[in-house]
Amino acid sequence: MKLTEEQLWELKDAVGYFDNAEIDSYSGRGMYGRQCLGITFDSMSDAFRFALTVGGDNDLSLALSSPRFDSMGLGIVVYWPSVEAPEGLDEDEEDEDAEVLL
């Protein structure tokens, strides 16, 4: 499943409320390298608050049902194996790095 442009904007807006949260592509356990939508958070409480932020009866909450979680030492990643990673994520990161170098 692929997020619509509107859903992606809603997702970016919801993630923007958390200081160190980041939308990224992720390959979880048993996915054999296949990439999906993932969001990294500093803590499980941030991930829970995010779920409450996007919860409700709307297209985004339906698309983001059934998340999975992986611990990353100090943080956590929430990912959705059935949702494709948005295109251009790596390009945005490169652009941000380039701006910092200038």
PDB file of N, CA and C in Angstrom:
ATOM      1  N   MET A   1       0.841  -1.176   0.000  1.00  0.00           N
ATOM      2  CA  MET A   1       0.000   0.000   0.000  1.00  0.00           C
ATOM      3  C   MET A   1       0.888   1.242   0.000  1.00  0.00           C
ATOM      4  N   LYS A   2       0.469   2.217  -0.724  1.00  0.00           N
ATOM      5  CA  LYS A   2       1.222   3.465  -0.812  1.00  0.00           C
ATOM      6  C   LYS A   2       0.374   4.600  -0.242  1.00  0.00           C
ATOM      7  N   LEU A   3       0.998   5.461   0.573  1.00  0.00           N
ATOM      8  CA  LEU A   3       0.272   6.603   1.123  1.00  0.00           C
ATOM      9  C   LEU A   3      -0.021   7.607   0.014  1.00  0.00           C
ATOM     10  N   THR A   4      -1.178   8.233   0.091  1.00  0.00           N
ATOM     11  CA  THR A   4      -1.493   9.301  -0.847  1.00  0.00           C
ATOM     12  C   THR A   4      -0.694  10.541  -0.457  1.00  0.00           C
ATOM     13  N   GLU A   5      -0.646  11.491  -1.335  1.00  0.00           N
ATOM     14  CA  GLU A   5       0.072  12.732  -1.041  1.00  0.00           C
ATOM     15  C   GLU A   5      -0.543  13.440   0.167  1.00  0.00           C
ATOM     16  N   GLU A   6      -1.864  13.424   0.257  1.00  0.00           N
ATOM     17  CA  GLU A   6      -2.554  14.047   1.399  1.00  0.00           C
ATOM     18  C   GLU A   6      -2.199  13.331   2.706  1.00  0.00           C
ATOM     19  N   GLN A   7      -2.184  12.002   2.679  1.00  0.00           N
ATOM     20  CA  GLN A   7      -1.823  11.232   3.872  1.00  0.00           C
ATOM     21  C   GLN A   7      -0.379  11.505   4.281  1.00  0.00           C
ATOM     22  N   LEU A   8       0.500  11.620   3.291  1.00  0.00           N
ATOM     23  CA  LEU A   8       1.899  11.899   3.588  1.00  0.00           C
ATOM     24  C   LEU A   8       2.061  13.266   4.241  1.00  0.00           C
ATOM     25  N   TRP A   9       1.314  14.259   3.775  1.00  0.00           N
ATOM     26  CA  TRP A   9       1.370  15.590   4.401  1.00  0.00           C
ATOM     27  C   TRP A   9       0.842  15.546   5.831  1.00  0.00           C
ATOM     28  N   GLU A  10      -0.243  14.812   6.051  1.00  0.00           N
ATOM     29  CA  GLU A  10      -0.781  14.652   7.411  1.00  0.00           C
ATOM     30  C   GLU A  10       0.231  13.973   8.317  1.00  0.00           C
ATOM     31  N   LEU A  11       0.910  12.957   7.777  1.00  0.00           N
ATOM     32  CA  LEU A  11       1.914  12.234   8.540  1.00  0.00           C
ATOM     33  C   LEU A  11       3.080  13.157   8.915  1.00  0.00           C
ATOM     34  N   LYS A  12       3.582  13.910   7.951  1.00  0.00           N
ATOM     35  CA  LYS A  12       4.688  14.839   8.219  1.00  0.00           C
ATOM     36  C   LYS A  12       4.284  15.872   9.267  1.00  0.00           C
ATOM     37  N   ASP A  13       3.045  16.346   9.190  1.00  0.00           N
ATOM     38  CA  ASP A  13       2.551  17.321  10.161  1.00  0.00           C
ATOM     39  C   ASP A  13       2.507  16.701  11.561  1.00  0.00           C
ATOM     40  N   ALA A  14       2.010  15.481  11.670  1.00  0.00           N
ATOM     41  CA  ALA A  14       1.915  14.810  12.972  1.00  0.00           C
ATOM     42  C   ALA A  14       3.299  14.518  13.551  1.00  0.00           C
ATOM     43  N   VAL A  15       4.237  14.093  12.717  1.00  0.00           N
ATOM     44  CA  VAL A  15       5.593  13.792  13.183  1.00  0.00           C
ATOM     45  C   VAL A  15       6.313  15.070  13.609  1.00  0.00           C
ATOM     46  N   GLY A  16       5.966  16.184  13.000  1.00  0.00           N
ATOM     47  CA  GLY A  16       6.598  17.468  13.306  1.00  0.00           C
ATOM     48  C   GLY A  16       6.405  17.921  14.745  1.00  0.00           C
ATOM     49  N   TYR A  17       5.443  17.377  15.459  1.00  0.00           N
ATOM     50  CA  TYR A  17       5.212  17.746  16.853  1.00  0.00           C
ATOM     51  C   TYR A  17       6.234  17.132  17.810  1.00  0.00           C
ATOM     52  N   PHE A  18       7.034  16.187  17.315  1.00  0.00           N
ATOM     53  CA  PHE A  18       7.992  15.494  18.168  1.00  0.00           C
ATOM     54  C   PHE A  18       9.407  15.902  17.782  1.00  0.00           C
ATOM     55  N   ASP A  19      10.183  16.314  18.785  1.00  0.00           N
ATOM     56  CA  ASP A  19      11.504  16.886  18.535  1.00  0.00           C
ATOM     57  C   ASP A  19      12.420  16.009  17.699  1.00  0.00           C
ATOM     58  N   ASN A  20      12.607  14.782  18.071  1.00  0.00           N
ATOM     59  CA  ASN A  20      13.588  13.947  17.385  1.00  0.00           C
ATOM     60  C   ASN A  20      12.966  12.807  16.596  1.00  0.00           C
ATOM     61  N   ALA A  21      11.716  12.936  16.228  1.00  0.00           N
ATOM     62  CA  ALA A  21      11.064  11.912  15.409  1.00  0.00           C
ATOM     63  C   ALA A  21      11.435  12.139  13.948  1.00  0.00           C
ATOM     64  N   GLU A  22      11.550  11.035  13.223  1.00  0.00           N
ATOM     65  CA  GLU A  22      11.966  11.141  11.830  1.00  0.00           C
ATOM     66  C   GLU A  22      11.300  10.057  10.999  1.00  0.00           C
ATOM     67  N   ILE A  23      10.747  10.451   9.854  1.00  0.00           N
ATOM     68  CA  ILE A  23      10.167   9.500   8.916  1.00  0.00           C
ATOM     69  C   ILE A  23      11.312   8.923   8.102  1.00  0.00           C
ATOM     70  N   ASP A  24      11.301   7.608   7.947  1.00  0.00           N
ATOM     71  CA  ASP A  24      12.396   6.970   7.224  1.00  0.00           C
ATOM     72  C   ASP A  24      11.890   5.671   6.613  1.00  0.00           C
ATOM     73  N   SER A  25      12.705   5.091   5.759  1.00  0.00           N
ATOM     74  CA  SER A  25      12.393   3.748   5.288  1.00  0.00           C
ATOM     75  C   SER A  25      13.009   2.768   6.283  1.00  0.00           C
ATOM     76  N   TYR A  26      12.413   1.599   6.406  1.00  0.00           N
ATOM     77  CA  TYR A  26      12.861   0.637   7.405  1.00  0.00           C
ATOM     78  C   TYR A  26      12.639  -0.777   6.881  1.00  0.00           C
ATOM     79  N   SER A  27      13.508  -1.672   7.264  1.00  0.00           N
ATOM     80  CA  SER A  27      13.358  -3.082   6.943  1.00  0.00           C
ATOM     81  C   SER A  27      13.362  -3.858   8.247  1.00  0.00           C
ATOM     82  N   GLY A  28      12.206  -4.307   8.661  1.00  0.00           N
ATOM     83  CA  GLY A  28      12.056  -4.977   9.950  1.00  0.00           C
ATOM     84  C   GLY A  28      12.362  -6.457   9.873  1.00  0.00           C
ATOM     85  N   ARG A  29      12.202  -7.103  11.017  1.00  0.00           N
ATOM     86  CA  ARG A  29      12.437  -8.542  11.114  1.00  0.00           C
ATOM     87  C   ARG A  29      11.529  -9.307  10.159  1.00  0.00           C
ATOM     88  N   GLY A  30      12.128 -10.264   9.461  1.00  0.00           N
ATOM     89  CA  GLY A  30      11.365 -11.108   8.555  1.00  0.00           C
ATOM     90  C   GLY A  30      10.966 -10.443   7.254  1.00  0.00           C
ATOM     91  N   MET A  31      11.472  -9.246   6.984  1.00  0.00           N
ATOM     92  CA  MET A  31      11.112  -8.542   5.751  1.00  0.00           C
ATOM     93  C   MET A  31      12.128  -8.784   4.636  1.00  0.00           C
ATOM     94  N   TYR A  32      13.254  -9.405   4.964  1.00  0.00           N
ATOM     95  CA  TYR A  32      14.265  -9.801   3.986  1.00  0.00           C
ATOM     96  C   TYR A  32      14.711  -8.660   3.082  1.00  0.00           C
ATOM     97  N   GLY A  33      14.940  -7.506   3.695  1.00  0.00           N
ATOM     98  CA  GLY A  33      15.464  -6.357   2.962  1.00  0.00           C
ATOM     99  C   GLY A  33      14.427  -5.468   2.311  1.00  0.00           C
ATOM    100  N   ARG A  34      13.168  -5.893   2.281  1.00  0.00           N
ATOM    101  CA  ARG A  34      12.113  -5.052   1.704  1.00  0.00           C
ATOM    102  C   ARG A  34      11.919  -3.836   2.600  1.00  0.00           C
ATOM    103  N   GLN A  35      11.808  -2.662   2.018  1.00  0.00           N
ATOM    104  CA  GLN A  35      11.678  -1.414   2.766  1.00  0.00           C
ATOM    105  C   GLN A  35      10.202  -1.045   2.960  1.00  0.00           C
ATOM    106  N   CYS A  36       9.914  -0.459   4.108  1.00  0.00           N
ATOM    107  CA  CYS A  36       8.560   0.014   4.388  1.00  0.00           C
ATOM    108  C   CYS A  36       8.656   1.345   5.133  1.00  0.00           C
ATOM    109  N   LEU A  37       7.510   1.927   5.421  1.00  0.00           N
ATOM    110  CA  LEU A  37       7.448   3.167   6.182  1.00  0.00           C
ATOM    111  C   LEU A  37       7.848   2.912   7.628  1.00  0.00           C
ATOM    112  N   GLY A  38       8.731   3.733   8.152  1.00  0.00           N
ATOM    113  CA  GLY A  38       9.131   3.658   9.550  1.00  0.00           C
ATOM    114  C   GLY A  38       9.284   5.055  10.122  1.00  0.00           C
ATOM    115  N   ILE A  39       9.048   5.192  11.403  1.00  0.00           N
ATOM    116  CA  ILE A  39       9.233   6.470  12.097  1.00  0.00           C
ATOM    117  C   ILE A  39      10.017   6.190  13.364  1.00  0.00           C
ATOM    118  N   THR A  40      11.110   6.910  13.545  1.00  0.00           N
ATOM    119  CA  THR A  40      11.914   6.733  14.747  1.00  0.00           C
ATOM    120  C   THR A  40      11.502   7.762  15.788  1.00  0.00           C
ATOM    121  N   PHE A  41      11.475   7.316  17.039  1.00  0.00           N
ATOM    122  CA  PHE A  41      11.133   8.158  18.183  1.00  0.00           C
ATOM    123  C   PHE A  41      12.176   7.942  19.272  1.00  0.00           C
ATOM    124  N   ASP A  42      12.298   8.923  20.163  1.00  0.00           N
ATOM    125  CA  ASP A  42      13.223   8.796  21.290  1.00  0.00           C
ATOM    126  C   ASP A  42      12.737   7.809  22.337  1.00  0.00           C
ATOM    127  N   SER A  43      11.416   7.676  22.468  1.00  0.00           N
ATOM    128  CA  SER A  43      10.880   6.826  23.533  1.00  0.00           C
ATOM    129  C   SER A  43       9.546   6.219  23.112  1.00  0.00           C
ATOM    130  N   MET A  44       9.150   5.189  23.837  1.00  0.00           N
ATOM    131  CA  MET A  44       7.856   4.557  23.588  1.00  0.00           C
ATOM    132  C   MET A  44       6.721   5.524  23.901  1.00  0.00           C
ATOM    133  N   SER A  45       6.909   6.396  24.874  1.00  0.00           N
ATOM    134  CA  SER A  45       5.846   7.355  25.200  1.00  0.00           C
ATOM    135  C   SER A  45       5.610   8.315  24.029  1.00  0.00           C
ATOM    136  N   ASP A  46       6.678   8.710  23.321  1.00  0.00           N
ATOM    137  CA  ASP A  46       6.500   9.552  22.128  1.00  0.00           C
ATOM    138  C   ASP A  46       5.747   8.782  21.047  1.00  0.00           C
ATOM    139  N   ALA A  47       6.088   7.510  20.867  1.00  0.00           N
ATOM    140  CA  ALA A  47       5.405   6.687  19.874  1.00  0.00           C
ATOM    141  C   ALA A  47       3.921   6.555  20.222  1.00  0.00           C
ATOM    142  N   PHE A  48       3.624   6.397  21.494  1.00  0.00           N
ATOM    143  CA  PHE A  48       2.230   6.292  21.936  1.00  0.00           C
ATOM    144  C   PHE A  48       1.489   7.613  21.705  1.00  0.00           C
ATOM    145  N   ARG A  49       2.125   8.720  22.048  1.00  0.00           N
ATOM    146  CA  ARG A  49       1.503  10.037  21.819  1.00  0.00           C
ATOM    147  C   ARG A  49       1.269  10.270  20.331  1.00  0.00           C
ATOM    148  N   PHE A  50       2.205   9.812  19.493  1.00  0.00           N
ATOM    149  CA  PHE A  50       2.025   9.921  18.044  1.00  0.00           C
ATOM    150  C   PHE A  50       0.788   9.148  17.610  1.00  0.00           C
ATOM    151  N   ALA A  51       0.633   7.929  18.130  1.00  0.00           N
ATOM    152  CA  ALA A  51      -0.530   7.114  17.782  1.00  0.00           C
ATOM    153  C   ALA A  51      -1.826   7.828  18.148  1.00  0.00           C
ATOM    154  N   LEU A  52      -1.827   8.501  19.287  1.00  0.00           N
ATOM    155  CA  LEU A  52      -3.016   9.264  19.679  1.00  0.00           C
ATOM    156  C   LEU A  52      -3.241  10.455  18.761  1.00  0.00           C
ATOM    157  N   THR A  53      -2.155  11.042  18.272  1.00  0.00           N
ATOM    158  CA  THR A  53      -2.245  12.204  17.380  1.00  0.00           C
ATOM    159  C   THR A  53      -2.900  11.834  16.057  1.00  0.00           C
ATOM    160  N   VAL A  54      -2.526  10.674  15.497  1.00  0.00           N
ATOM    161  CA  VAL A  54      -3.071  10.284  14.192  1.00  0.00           C
ATOM    162  C   VAL A  54      -4.297   9.389  14.318  1.00  0.00           C
ATOM    163  N   GLY A  55      -4.647   9.013  15.541  1.00  0.00           N
ATOM    164  CA  GLY A  55      -5.805   8.153  15.753  1.00  0.00           C
ATOM    165  C   GLY A  55      -7.094   8.848  15.384  1.00  0.00           C
ATOM    166  N   GLY A  56      -8.091   8.075  15.204  1.00  0.00           N
ATOM    167  CA  GLY A  56      -9.391   8.637  14.864  1.00  0.00           C
ATOM    168  C   GLY A  56      -9.970   7.931  13.656  1.00  0.00           C
ATOM    169  N   ASP A  57     -10.994   8.506  13.126  1.00  0.00           N
ATOM    170  CA  ASP A  57     -11.678   7.911  11.982  1.00  0.00           C
ATOM    171  C   ASP A  57     -11.325   8.700  10.729  1.00  0.00           C
ATOM    172  N   ASN A  58     -10.091   8.494  10.238  1.00  0.00           N
ATOM    173  CA  ASN A  58      -9.667   9.176   9.025  1.00  0.00           C
ATOM    174  C   ASN A  58      -8.808   8.234   8.187  1.00  0.00           C
ATOM    175  N   ASP A  59      -8.492   8.660   6.977  1.00  0.00           N
ATOM    176  CA  ASP A  59      -7.729   7.812   6.063  1.00  0.00           C
ATOM    177  C   ASP A  59      -6.348   7.467   6.595  1.00  0.00           C
ATOM    178  N   LEU A  60      -5.680   8.429   7.234  1.00  0.00           N
ATOM    179  CA  LEU A  60      -4.333   8.180   7.724  1.00  0.00           C
ATOM    180  C   LEU A  60      -4.328   7.145   8.838  1.00  0.00           C
ATOM    181  N   SER A  61      -5.247   7.261   9.771  1.00  0.00           N
ATOM    182  CA  SER A  61      -5.278   6.288  10.870  1.00  0.00           C
ATOM    183  C   SER A  61      -5.595   4.888  10.361  1.00  0.00           C
ATOM    184  N   LEU A  62      -6.427   4.787   9.330  1.00  0.00           N
ATOM    185  CA  LEU A  62      -6.715   3.474   8.748  1.00  0.00           C
ATOM    186  C   LEU A  62      -5.483   2.908   8.040  1.00  0.00           C
ATOM    187  N   ALA A  63      -4.741   3.767   7.357  1.00  0.00           N
ATOM    188  CA  ALA A  63      -3.532   3.323   6.654  1.00  0.00           C
ATOM    189  C   ALA A  63      -2.443   2.896   7.628  1.00  0.00           C
ATOM    190  N   LEU A  64      -2.425   3.524   8.805  1.00  0.00           N
ATOM    191  CA  LEU A  64      -1.372   3.240   9.774  1.00  0.00           C
ATOM    192  C   LEU A  64      -1.831   2.303  10.888  1.00  0.00           C
ATOM    193  N   SER A  65      -2.830   1.493  10.605  1.00  0.00           N
ATOM    194  CA  SER A  65      -3.235   0.511  11.604  1.00  0.00           C
ATOM    195  C   SER A  65      -2.235  -0.646  11.606  1.00  0.00           C
ATOM    196  N   SER A  66      -2.183  -1.375  12.666  1.00  0.00           N
ATOM    197  CA  SER A  66      -1.312  -2.544  12.838  1.00  0.00           C
ATOM    198  C   SER A  66       0.179  -2.232  12.713  1.00  0.00           C
ATOM    199  N   PRO A  67       0.680  -1.297  13.512  1.00  0.00           N
ATOM    200  CA  PRO A  67       2.118  -1.020  13.469  1.00  0.00           C
ATOM    201  C   PRO A  67       2.913  -2.115  14.180  1.00  0.00           C
ATOM    202  N   ARG A  68       4.189  -2.155  13.895  1.00  0.00           N
ATOM    203  CA  ARG A  68       5.125  -3.023  14.609  1.00  0.00           C
ATOM    204  C   ARG A  68       6.182  -2.122  15.229  1.00  0.00           C
ATOM    205  N   PHE A  69       6.870  -2.639  16.230  1.00  0.00           N
ATOM    206  CA  PHE A  69       7.852  -1.851  16.970  1.00  0.00           C
ATOM    207  C   PHE A  69       9.167  -2.610  17.067  1.00  0.00           C
ATOM    208  N   ASP A  70      10.271  -1.889  16.975  1.00  0.00           N
ATOM    209  CA  ASP A  70      11.597  -2.442  17.232  1.00  0.00           C
ATOM    210  C   ASP A  70      12.338  -1.477  18.130  1.00  0.00           C
ATOM    211  N   SER A  71      13.064  -2.031  19.076  1.00  0.00           N
ATOM    212  CA  SER A  71      13.895  -1.215  19.960  1.00  0.00           C
ATOM    213  C   SER A  71      15.213  -0.946  19.263  1.00  0.00           C
ATOM    214  N   MET A  72      15.703   0.271  19.403  1.00  0.00           N
ATOM    215  CA  MET A  72      16.972   0.638  18.791  1.00  0.00           C
ATOM    216  C   MET A  72      17.956   1.105  19.864  1.00  0.00           C
ATOM    217  N   GLY A  73      17.991   0.433  20.979  1.00  0.00           N
ATOM    218  CA  GLY A  73      18.879   0.847  22.058  1.00  0.00           C
ATOM    219  C   GLY A  73      18.268   1.993  22.826  1.00  0.00           C
ATOM    220  N   LEU A  74      18.555   3.219  22.418  1.00  0.00           N
ATOM    221  CA  LEU A  74      18.040   4.393  23.118  1.00  0.00           C
ATOM    222  C   LEU A  74      16.708   4.868  22.566  1.00  0.00           C
ATOM    223  N   GLY A  75      16.328   4.402  21.400  1.00  0.00           N
ATOM    224  CA  GLY A  75      15.086   4.859  20.799  1.00  0.00           C
ATOM    225  C   GLY A  75      14.229   3.694  20.351  1.00  0.00           C
ATOM    226  N   ILE A  76      13.197   4.017  19.591  1.00  0.00           N
ATOM    227  CA  ILE A  76      12.269   2.998  19.103  1.00  0.00           C
ATOM    228  C   ILE A  76      11.877   3.361  17.679  1.00  0.00           C
ATOM    229  N   VAL A  77      11.647   2.348  16.882  1.00  0.00           N
ATOM    230  CA  VAL A  77      11.122   2.576  15.541  1.00  0.00           C
ATOM    231  C   VAL A  77       9.758   1.911  15.458  1.00  0.00           C
ATOM    232  N   VAL A  78       8.812   2.662  14.927  1.00  0.00           N
ATOM    233  CA  VAL A  78       7.472   2.152  14.652  1.00  0.00           C
ATOM    234  C   VAL A  78       7.422   1.993  13.137  1.00  0.00           C
ATOM    235  N   TYR A  79       7.009   0.809  12.668  1.00  0.00           N
ATOM    236  CA  TYR A  79       6.998   0.607  11.227  1.00  0.00           C
ATOM    237  C   TYR A  79       5.763  -0.173  10.796  1.00  0.00           C
ATOM    238  N   TRP A  80       5.444  -0.024   9.532  1.00  0.00           N
ATOM    239  CA  TRP A  80       4.264  -0.629   8.944  1.00  0.00           C
ATOM    240  C   TRP A  80       4.699  -1.432   7.724  1.00  0.00           C
ATOM    241  N   PRO A  81       4.849  -2.748   7.868  1.00  0.00           N
ATOM    242  CA  PRO A  81       5.330  -3.572   6.760  1.00  0.00           C
ATOM    243  C   PRO A  81       4.480  -3.495   5.491  1.00  0.00           C
ATOM    244  N   SER A  82       3.205  -3.213   5.628  1.00  0.00           N
ATOM    245  CA  SER A  82       2.327  -3.175   4.453  1.00  0.00           C
ATOM    246  C   SER A  82       2.277  -1.802   3.779  1.00  0.00           C
ATOM    247  N   VAL A  83       2.978  -0.805   4.342  1.00  0.00           N
ATOM    248  CA  VAL A  83       2.966   0.544   3.777  1.00  0.00           C
ATOM    249  C   VAL A  83       4.329   0.838   3.157  1.00  0.00           C
ATOM    250  N   GLU A  84       4.332   1.180   1.879  1.00  0.00           N
ATOM    251  CA  GLU A  84       5.577   1.489   1.185  1.00  0.00           C
ATOM    252  C   GLU A  84       6.240   2.723   1.787  1.00  0.00           C
ATOM    253  N   ALA A  85       7.567   2.715   1.800  1.00  0.00           N
ATOM    254  CA  ALA A  85       8.299   3.901   2.234  1.00  0.00           C
ATOM    255  C   ALA A  85       8.067   4.998   1.204  1.00  0.00           C
ATOM    256  N   PRO A  86       7.775   6.225   1.655  1.00  0.00           N
ATOM    257  CA  PRO A  86       7.571   7.326   0.709  1.00  0.00           C
ATOM    258  C   PRO A  86       8.828   7.555  -0.132  1.00  0.00           C
ATOM    259  N   GLU A  87       8.635   7.905  -1.387  1.00  0.00           N
ATOM    260  CA  GLU A  87       9.757   8.171  -2.284  1.00  0.00           C
ATOM    261  C   GLU A  87      10.427   9.480  -1.906  1.00  0.00           C
ATOM    262  N   GLY A  88      11.722   9.551  -2.146  1.00  0.00           N
ATOM    263  CA  GLY A  88      12.458  10.793  -1.949  1.00  0.00           C
ATOM    264  C   GLY A  88      12.941  11.040  -0.538  1.00  0.00           C
ATOM    265  N   LEU A  89      12.796  10.076   0.364  1.00  0.00           N
ATOM    266  CA  LEU A  89      13.266  10.296   1.737  1.00  0.00           C
ATOM    267  C   LEU A  89      14.770  10.510   1.775  1.00  0.00           C
ATOM    268  N   ASP A  90      15.509   9.680   1.050  1.00  0.00           N
ATOM    269  CA  ASP A  90      16.958   9.810   1.042  1.00  0.00           C
ATOM    270  C   ASP A  90      17.394  11.115   0.379  1.00  0.00           C
ATOM    271  N   GLU A  91      16.658  11.556  -0.645  1.00  0.00           N
ATOM    272  CA  GLU A  91      16.995  12.802  -1.316  1.00  0.00           C
ATOM    273  C   GLU A  91      16.864  13.982  -0.365  1.00  0.00           C
ATOM    274  N   ASP A  92      15.810  14.001   0.463  1.00  0.00           N
ATOM    275  CA  ASP A  92      15.613  15.089   1.422  1.00  0.00           C
ATOM    276  C   ASP A  92      16.776  15.162   2.398  1.00  0.00           C
ATOM    277  N   GLU A  93      17.228  13.987   2.875  1.00  0.00           N
ATOM    278  CA  GLU A  93      18.334  13.965   3.822  1.00  0.00           C
ATOM    279  C   GLU A  93      19.601  14.505   3.187  1.00  0.00           C
ATOM    280  N   GLU A  94      19.849  14.156   1.915  1.00  0.00           N
ATOM    281  CA  GLU A  94      21.032  14.654   1.235  1.00  0.00           C
ATOM    282  C   GLU A  94      20.947  16.170   1.079  1.00  0.00           C
ATOM    283  N   ASP A  95      19.754  16.672   0.733  1.00  0.00           N
ATOM    284  CA  ASP A  95      19.585  18.115   0.578  1.00  0.00           C
ATOM    285  C   ASP A  95      19.848  18.844   1.883  1.00  0.00           C
ATOM    286  N   GLU A  96      19.361  18.315   3.004  1.00  0.00           N
ATOM    287  CA  GLU A  96      19.594  18.955   4.299  1.00  0.00           C
ATOM    288  C   GLU A  96      21.079  18.980   4.616  1.00  0.00           C
ATOM    289  N   ASP A  97      21.781  17.871   4.330  1.00  0.00           N
ATOM    290  CA  ASP A  97      23.216  17.827   4.567  1.00  0.00           C
ATOM    291  C   ASP A  97      23.941  18.844   3.698  1.00  0.00           C
ATOM    292  N   ALA A  98      23.501  18.980   2.451  1.00  0.00           N
ATOM    293  CA  ALA A  98      24.158  19.918   1.551  1.00  0.00           C
ATOM    294  C   ALA A  98      23.977  21.347   2.039  1.00  0.00           C
ATOM    295  N   GLU A  99      22.800  21.673   2.551  1.00  0.00           N
ATOM    296  CA  GLU A  99      22.569  23.023   3.046  1.00  0.00           C
ATOM    297  C   GLU A  99      23.467  23.334   4.241  1.00  0.00           C
ATOM    298  N   VAL A 100      23.682  22.336   5.091  1.00  0.00           N
ATOM    299  CA  VAL A 100      24.529  22.533   6.253  1.00  0.00           C
ATOM    300  C   VAL A 100      25.963  22.795   5.824  1.00  0.00           C
ATOM    301  N   LEU A 101      26.408  22.104   4.762  1.00  0.00           N
ATOM    302  CA  LEU A 101      27.778  22.270   4.314  1.00  0.00           C
ATOM    303  C   LEU A 101      28.012  23.614   3.654  1.00  0.00           C
ATOM    304  N   LEU A 102      26.986  24.215   3.095  1.00  0.00           N
ATOM    305  CA  LEU A 102      27.140  25.500   2.410  1.00  0.00           C
ATOM    306  C   LEU A 102      27.264  26.577   3.397  1.00  0.00           C
TER     307      LEU A 102
END
